[in-house]
């Protein structure tokens, strides 16, 4: 039985167009390395590309999580939430920066 978790995935943009090369590069990077990063100036569509990719391909993965990264605190909180969903209780019980570091390390170690 396949378990699929989707955490706080933003709604799809119905007007998303013209980023097929970016989506293809993202898919290639994830297939080859299991991880990918989008970088560039603010406002160029990185988040929209990631949202679109997630909506198109969430079923290709056992787990799909959305981590909010607009600040260190938000990213730490997202990792702690994911750690809780994956039953990594040690990471969830910690506070502050320890949550971020422990959750990141445990999530990456397990996957």
Protein backbone atom coordinates (compact mmCIF):
# COMPACT_ATOMS: atom_id res chain seq x y z
CA UNK A 1 0.00 0.00 0.00
CA UNK A 2 1.37 3.40 -0.98
CA UNK A 3 1.19 6.24 1.55
CA UNK A 4 0.97 9.76 0.17
CA UNK A 5 1.32 12.83 2.37
CA UNK A 6 0.75 16.32 1.05
CA UNK A 7 1.52 19.13 3.44
CA UNK A 8 0.20 22.62 2.80
CA UNK A 9 0.69 22.57 -0.95
CA UNK A 10 -0.34 25.99 -2.29
CA UNK A 11 -3.13 26.11 -4.83
CA UNK A 12 -2.18 25.77 -8.46
CA UNK A 13 -1.99 28.98 -10.51
CA UNK A 14 -4.52 28.60 -13.35
CA UNK A 15 -2.54 31.13 -15.41
CA UNK A 16 0.83 29.33 -15.16
CA UNK A 17 2.42 29.11 -18.62
CA UNK A 18 5.73 29.11 -20.43
CA UNK A 19 8.01 27.43 -17.94
CA UNK A 20 8.25 23.97 -19.48
CA UNK A 21 12.10 24.05 -19.72
CA UNK A 22 12.33 24.91 -16.00
CA UNK A 23 9.92 22.10 -15.09
CA UNK A 24 11.89 19.64 -17.25
CA UNK A 25 15.18 20.67 -15.59
CA UNK A 26 13.58 20.30 -12.18
CA UNK A 27 12.34 16.81 -13.05
CA UNK A 28 15.78 15.79 -14.37
CA UNK A 29 17.56 17.08 -11.26
CA UNK A 30 15.16 15.29 -8.95
CA UNK A 31 15.47 12.04 -10.91
CA UNK A 32 19.26 12.22 -10.96
CA UNK A 33 20.03 13.53 -7.47
CA UNK A 34 16.82 13.28 -5.48
CA UNK A 35 16.86 17.00 -4.76
CA UNK A 36 16.80 20.29 -6.64
CA UNK A 37 16.89 24.01 -5.96
CA UNK A 38 15.45 26.93 -7.86
CA UNK A 39 17.38 30.17 -7.60
CA UNK A 40 17.12 33.63 -9.09
CA UNK A 41 15.90 37.13 -8.50
CA UNK A 42 12.69 37.74 -6.62
CA UNK A 43 9.57 37.79 -8.74
CA UNK A 44 10.81 35.60 -11.60
CA UNK A 45 8.46 32.71 -10.80
CA UNK A 46 10.51 30.25 -8.73
CA UNK A 47 7.69 29.53 -6.31
CA UNK A 48 5.11 29.28 -9.09
CA UNK A 49 7.34 26.80 -10.95
CA UNK A 50 7.77 24.72 -7.79
CA UNK A 51 4.02 24.77 -7.09
CA UNK A 52 3.25 23.71 -10.65
CA UNK A 53 5.83 20.92 -10.54
CA UNK A 54 4.44 19.68 -7.22
CA UNK A 55 0.90 19.59 -8.58
CA UNK A 56 1.93 17.81 -11.76
CA UNK A 57 4.17 15.22 -10.12
CA UNK A 58 3.02 14.70 -6.54
CA UNK A 59 1.77 11.25 -7.45
CA UNK A 60 5.26 10.25 -8.68
CA UNK A 61 6.57 10.29 -5.12
CA UNK A 62 5.76 8.39 -1.95
CA UNK A 63 5.83 11.62 0.07
CA UNK A 64 5.26 15.18 -1.04
CA UNK A 65 5.81 17.97 1.47
CA UNK A 66 5.74 21.73 1.03
CA UNK A 67 8.23 23.60 3.21
CA UNK A 68 7.72 27.33 3.61
CA UNK A 69 11.09 29.06 3.48
CA UNK A 70 10.39 32.79 3.54
CA UNK A 71 12.36 32.97 6.81
CA UNK A 72 14.59 30.72 8.89
CA UNK A 73 11.84 30.39 11.47
CA UNK A 74 9.28 29.34 8.85
CA UNK A 75 11.67 26.77 7.37
CA UNK A 76 12.47 25.38 10.83
CA UNK A 77 8.78 25.12 11.60
CA UNK A 78 8.12 23.38 8.27
CA UNK A 79 10.88 20.85 8.93
CA UNK A 80 9.54 20.22 12.43
CA UNK A 81 6.06 19.61 11.01
CA UNK A 82 7.43 17.19 8.42
CA UNK A 83 9.45 15.44 11.13
CA UNK A 84 6.25 14.99 13.13
CA UNK A 85 4.41 13.56 10.13
CA UNK A 86 7.26 11.11 9.62
CA UNK A 87 7.16 10.14 13.31
CA UNK A 88 10.59 11.60 14.02
CA UNK A 89 9.43 12.62 17.50
CA UNK A 90 12.89 13.47 18.80
CA UNK A 91 13.14 16.32 16.31
CA UNK A 92 9.68 17.65 17.17
CA UNK A 93 10.40 17.73 20.92
CA UNK A 94 13.39 20.03 20.52
CA UNK A 95 13.20 23.84 20.55
CA UNK A 96 14.53 26.66 18.37
CA UNK A 97 17.50 26.05 16.08
CA UNK A 98 17.81 22.49 17.36
CA UNK A 99 14.48 21.69 15.72
CA UNK A 100 15.69 22.96 12.37
CA UNK A 101 19.01 21.15 12.48
CA UNK A 102 17.74 17.90 13.97
CA UNK A 103 14.69 17.70 11.71
CA UNK A 104 16.72 18.42 8.59
CA UNK A 105 19.35 15.84 9.47
CA UNK A 106 16.83 13.15 10.39
CA UNK A 107 14.66 13.74 7.32
CA UNK A 108 17.64 13.63 4.98
CA UNK A 109 19.09 10.58 6.74
CA UNK A 110 15.85 8.64 6.38
CA UNK A 111 15.35 9.54 2.74
